[in-house]
Amino acid sequence: QVQLVESGGGLVQAGGSLRLSCAASRPTFSNYFMGWFRQAPGKEREFVAFIAWTRGTTAYADSVKGRFTISRDNAKNTVYLQMNSLKLEDTAVYYCVAKIASASGWDYWGQGTQVTVTS
């Protein structure tokens, strides 16, 4: 079982930055992928970014490419999402996710953290 706890959400003006953190309860995440999804009001949940824990390979949704950066700290079992040049449309609840690399779906989800971008 993996528990994921997000933090770092909040209120920020458009053009500003926030960094989300996700602390994971597992001694090692080798062979795992970890990532972020988000869900805006009235919209479906959407993929934001993921990182392969061992190799560090990353992937991003087109809507955040060039503005968001996902990274991990192996020693702290923590994944980060650095969000720069935030836009109003980035407002959403952001969820940390994890899965075994070979799994088809994301098995583990955090409780979510709210990010609100204001004009």
Protein backbone atom coordinates (compact mmCIF):
# COMPACT_ATOMS: atom_id res chain seq x y z
CA GLN A 1 0.00 0.00 0.00
CA VAL A 2 1.19 3.49 -0.85
CA GLN A 3 -0.03 6.64 0.83
CA LEU A 4 0.45 9.98 -0.87
CA VAL A 5 0.13 13.33 0.91
CA GLU A 6 0.14 16.54 -1.13
CA SER A 7 0.98 20.01 0.11
CA GLY A 8 1.84 23.41 -1.30
CA GLY A 9 -1.41 24.44 -2.90
CA GLY A 10 -2.88 27.89 -2.40
CA LEU A 11 -3.86 31.18 -3.97
CA VAL A 12 -1.57 32.85 -6.51
CA GLN A 13 -1.89 35.61 -9.08
CA ALA A 14 -1.68 34.86 -12.76
CA GLY A 15 1.95 34.76 -13.86
CA GLY A 16 3.09 33.62 -10.44
CA SER A 17 4.58 30.36 -9.22
CA LEU A 18 3.78 27.58 -6.79
CA ARG A 19 5.51 24.35 -5.88
CA LEU A 20 3.49 21.31 -4.94
CA SER A 21 4.98 18.48 -2.91
CA CYS A 22 3.88 14.90 -2.55
CA ALA A 23 5.30 12.83 0.28
CA ALA A 24 5.00 9.11 -0.32
CA SER A 25 4.99 6.40 2.33
CA ARG A 26 7.14 3.66 0.90
CA PRO A 27 10.81 2.83 1.51
CA THR A 28 11.62 2.67 -2.18
CA PHE A 29 9.92 3.56 -5.40
CA SER A 30 12.18 1.78 -7.83
CA ASN A 31 10.08 0.54 -10.76
CA TYR A 32 7.33 3.05 -9.96
CA PHE A 33 6.00 6.01 -11.85
CA MET A 34 4.72 9.02 -9.96
CA GLY A 35 2.81 11.94 -11.30
CA TRP A 36 0.18 14.63 -11.05
CA PHE A 37 -3.37 14.94 -12.30
CA ARG A 38 -5.74 17.85 -11.87
CA GLN A 39 -9.46 18.48 -11.94
CA ALA A 40 -11.00 21.86 -12.55
CA PRO A 41 -14.59 22.67 -11.54
CA GLY A 42 -17.03 21.10 -13.95
CA LYS A 43 -14.31 19.35 -15.92
CA GLU A 44 -12.92 15.85 -16.09
CA ARG A 45 -9.74 14.91 -14.31
CA GLU A 46 -6.74 15.33 -16.60
CA PHE A 47 -3.12 14.22 -16.69
CA VAL A 48 -0.51 16.86 -15.91
CA ALA A 49 2.90 15.17 -15.66
CA PHE A 50 4.71 12.02 -14.57
CA ILE A 51 8.21 10.92 -13.71
CA ALA A 52 9.78 7.49 -13.78
CA TRP A 53 11.26 7.13 -10.33
CA THR A 54 14.40 5.23 -11.27
CA ARG A 55 15.37 6.77 -14.62
CA GLY A 56 13.90 10.19 -14.05
CA THR A 57 12.17 10.19 -17.43
CA THR A 58 9.40 12.77 -17.54
CA ALA A 59 6.32 13.56 -19.61
CA TYR A 60 3.94 16.51 -19.61
CA ALA A 61 0.55 17.48 -20.89
CA ASP A 62 0.82 19.95 -23.75
CA SER A 63 -1.07 22.54 -21.72
CA VAL A 64 1.71 22.74 -19.10
CA LYS A 65 4.81 21.93 -21.14
CA GLY A 66 7.47 24.57 -20.68
CA ARG A 67 5.80 25.99 -17.56
CA PHE A 68 5.65 23.06 -15.13
CA THR A 69 8.50 20.83 -14.00
CA ILE A 70 8.17 17.53 -12.19
CA SER A 71 11.05 16.24 -10.10
CA ARG A 72 11.77 13.83 -7.26
CA ASP A 73 13.94 13.58 -4.19
CA ASN A 74 14.87 9.96 -3.65
CA ALA A 75 16.10 10.50 -0.10
CA LYS A 76 12.82 12.11 0.95
CA ASN A 77 10.48 9.91 -1.13
CA THR A 78 8.95 13.13 -2.37
CA VAL A 79 7.78 14.29 -5.76
CA TYR A 80 7.50 17.96 -6.65
CA LEU A 81 5.60 19.93 -9.24
CA GLN A 82 7.09 23.35 -9.87
CA MET A 83 4.47 25.49 -11.57
CA ASN A 84 5.57 28.73 -13.21
CA SER A 85 3.76 31.31 -15.34
CA LEU A 86 0.47 30.17 -13.87
CA LYS A 87 -2.69 30.90 -15.81
CA LEU A 88 -6.31 31.21 -14.73
CA GLU A 89 -7.02 27.88 -16.42
CA ASP A 90 -4.53 26.14 -14.13
CA THR A 91 -7.02 26.53 -11.29
CA ALA A 92 -7.88 23.02 -10.13
CA VAL A 93 -7.47 20.42 -7.44
CA TYR A 94 -4.13 18.75 -8.03
CA TYR A 95 -3.72 15.07 -7.19
CA CYS A 96 -0.49 13.16 -6.67
CA VAL A 97 -0.56 9.67 -8.19
CA ALA A 98 1.63 6.58 -8.24
CA LYS A 99 1.72 3.24 -10.00
CA ILE A 100 3.99 0.33 -10.68
CA ALA A 101 5.62 0.99 -14.04
CA SER A 102 3.98 -2.01 -15.71
CA ALA A 103 0.47 -1.19 -14.46
CA SER A 104 -2.05 0.16 -16.95
CA GLY A 105 -3.69 2.61 -14.55
CA TRP A 106 -2.73 4.83 -11.66
CA ASP A 107 -3.33 2.75 -8.56
CA TYR A 108 -2.64 5.26 -5.80
CA TRP A 109 -4.06 8.75 -5.36
CA GLY A 110 -3.53 11.48 -2.82
CA GLN A 111 -6.35 13.52 -1.31
CA GLY A 112 -5.66 16.52 -3.53
CA THR A 113 -4.56 20.09 -2.96
CA GLN A 114 -6.34 23.18 -4.27
CA VAL A 115 -4.54 25.60 -6.56
CA THR A 116 -6.38 28.82 -7.35
CA VAL A 117 -4.99 31.32 -9.85
CA THR A 118 -6.47 34.82 -9.73
CA SER A 119 -6.32 37.71 -12.16
